[in-house]
Amino acid sequence: MKGNCQACMRFKELDSCHITSRGAGGSDDESNLLLMCRACHQFQHSQGWNKLINKYKHLASILRSKGFQIQDVFGVKKLVKYAK
């Protein structure tokens, strides 16, 4: 499917990216997915959410709207899901 990447905002072919991976208990529910181009999706997997959010600041508000928050846990920033 083509559309605007939720990270870089460019019009490209899009991948569904799990915010919390299925291996970590994440679901295929829309609230756990972002639509991103392949480059941004690969960047997220190789560099992590923090670097992707630092690169595209608006992602923090998109993630918050889906019930996620970045927390500093023992000096390591993690993306945490909160119940709405």
Protein backbone atom coordinates (compact mmCIF):
# COMPACT_ATOMS: atom_id res chain seq x y z
CA MET A 1 0.00 0.00 0.00
CA LYS A 2 1.22 3.52 -0.76
CA GLY A 3 0.75 6.54 1.46
CA ASN A 4 2.60 8.95 3.70
CA CYS A 5 5.10 7.43 6.11
CA GLN A 6 4.17 8.32 9.69
CA ALA A 7 7.86 8.98 10.42
CA CYS A 8 9.41 10.89 7.49
CA MET A 9 6.03 11.90 5.98
CA ARG A 10 7.19 11.03 2.43
CA PHE A 11 4.75 9.40 0.03
CA LYS A 12 6.08 5.85 -0.41
CA GLU A 13 5.23 2.15 -0.26
CA LEU A 14 4.41 1.46 3.40
CA ASP A 15 5.14 -1.35 5.87
CA SER A 16 3.15 -2.04 9.03
CA CYS A 17 5.55 -1.63 11.93
CA HIS A 18 4.77 -3.11 15.34
CA ILE A 19 5.42 -0.60 18.11
CA THR A 20 5.75 -3.44 20.63
CA SER A 21 7.05 -6.47 18.72
CA ARG A 22 4.99 -9.64 18.65
CA GLY A 23 7.91 -11.40 20.35
CA ALA A 24 7.56 -8.99 23.28
CA GLY A 25 3.82 -9.58 23.51
CA GLY A 26 2.64 -6.90 21.06
CA SER A 27 -0.51 -7.47 19.06
CA ASP A 28 -1.52 -6.85 15.45
CA ASP A 29 -4.10 -4.35 16.72
CA GLU A 30 -4.12 -0.93 15.01
CA SER A 31 -3.14 0.71 18.29
CA ASN A 32 0.19 -1.20 18.14
CA LEU A 33 1.00 -0.42 14.49
CA LEU A 34 2.52 2.47 12.57
CA LEU A 35 2.67 2.76 8.79
CA MET A 36 6.23 3.55 7.77
CA CYS A 37 8.31 3.41 4.61
CA ARG A 38 10.87 0.63 4.40
CA ALA A 39 13.80 2.99 5.14
CA CYS A 40 12.24 4.31 8.37
CA HIS A 41 11.11 0.81 9.40
CA GLN A 42 14.63 -0.55 8.93
CA PHE A 43 16.08 2.48 10.76
CA GLN A 44 13.77 1.77 13.72
CA HIS A 45 14.85 -1.88 13.87
CA SER A 46 18.56 -1.08 13.63
CA GLN A 47 18.71 2.13 15.71
CA GLY A 48 15.67 1.87 18.00
CA TRP A 49 12.66 4.03 18.79
CA ASN A 50 14.61 6.73 20.64
CA LYS A 51 16.79 7.59 17.64
CA LEU A 52 13.80 7.50 15.28
CA ILE A 53 11.84 9.82 17.60
CA ASN A 54 14.86 12.14 17.91
CA LYS A 55 15.02 12.27 14.10
CA TYR A 56 11.25 12.81 13.67
CA LYS A 57 10.01 14.65 16.76
CA HIS A 58 6.31 14.44 15.79
CA LEU A 59 6.42 10.65 16.33
CA ALA A 60 6.36 11.20 20.10
CA SER A 61 2.84 12.68 19.88
CA ILE A 62 1.66 9.88 17.55
CA LEU A 63 2.96 7.27 20.00
CA ARG A 64 1.39 9.10 22.97
CA SER A 65 -1.97 9.12 21.14
CA LYS A 66 -1.68 5.32 20.89
CA GLY A 67 -1.03 5.01 24.63
CA PHE A 68 2.80 4.79 24.59
CA GLN A 69 5.28 6.83 26.58
CA ILE A 70 9.08 6.94 26.64
CA GLN A 71 10.45 6.25 30.11
CA ASP A 72 13.98 6.33 31.39
CA VAL A 73 14.42 3.02 33.22
CA PHE A 74 17.80 2.70 34.94
CA GLY A 75 19.41 5.01 32.39
CA VAL A 76 17.94 3.17 29.39
CA LYS A 77 15.08 4.81 27.55
CA LYS A 78 12.23 2.43 26.80
CA LEU A 79 8.88 2.71 25.05
CA VAL A 80 6.16 1.70 27.51
CA LYS A 81 2.47 1.03 26.78
CA TYR A 82 -0.08 2.59 29.10
CA ALA A 83 -3.73 1.58 29.32
CA LYS A 84 -6.03 4.23 27.92
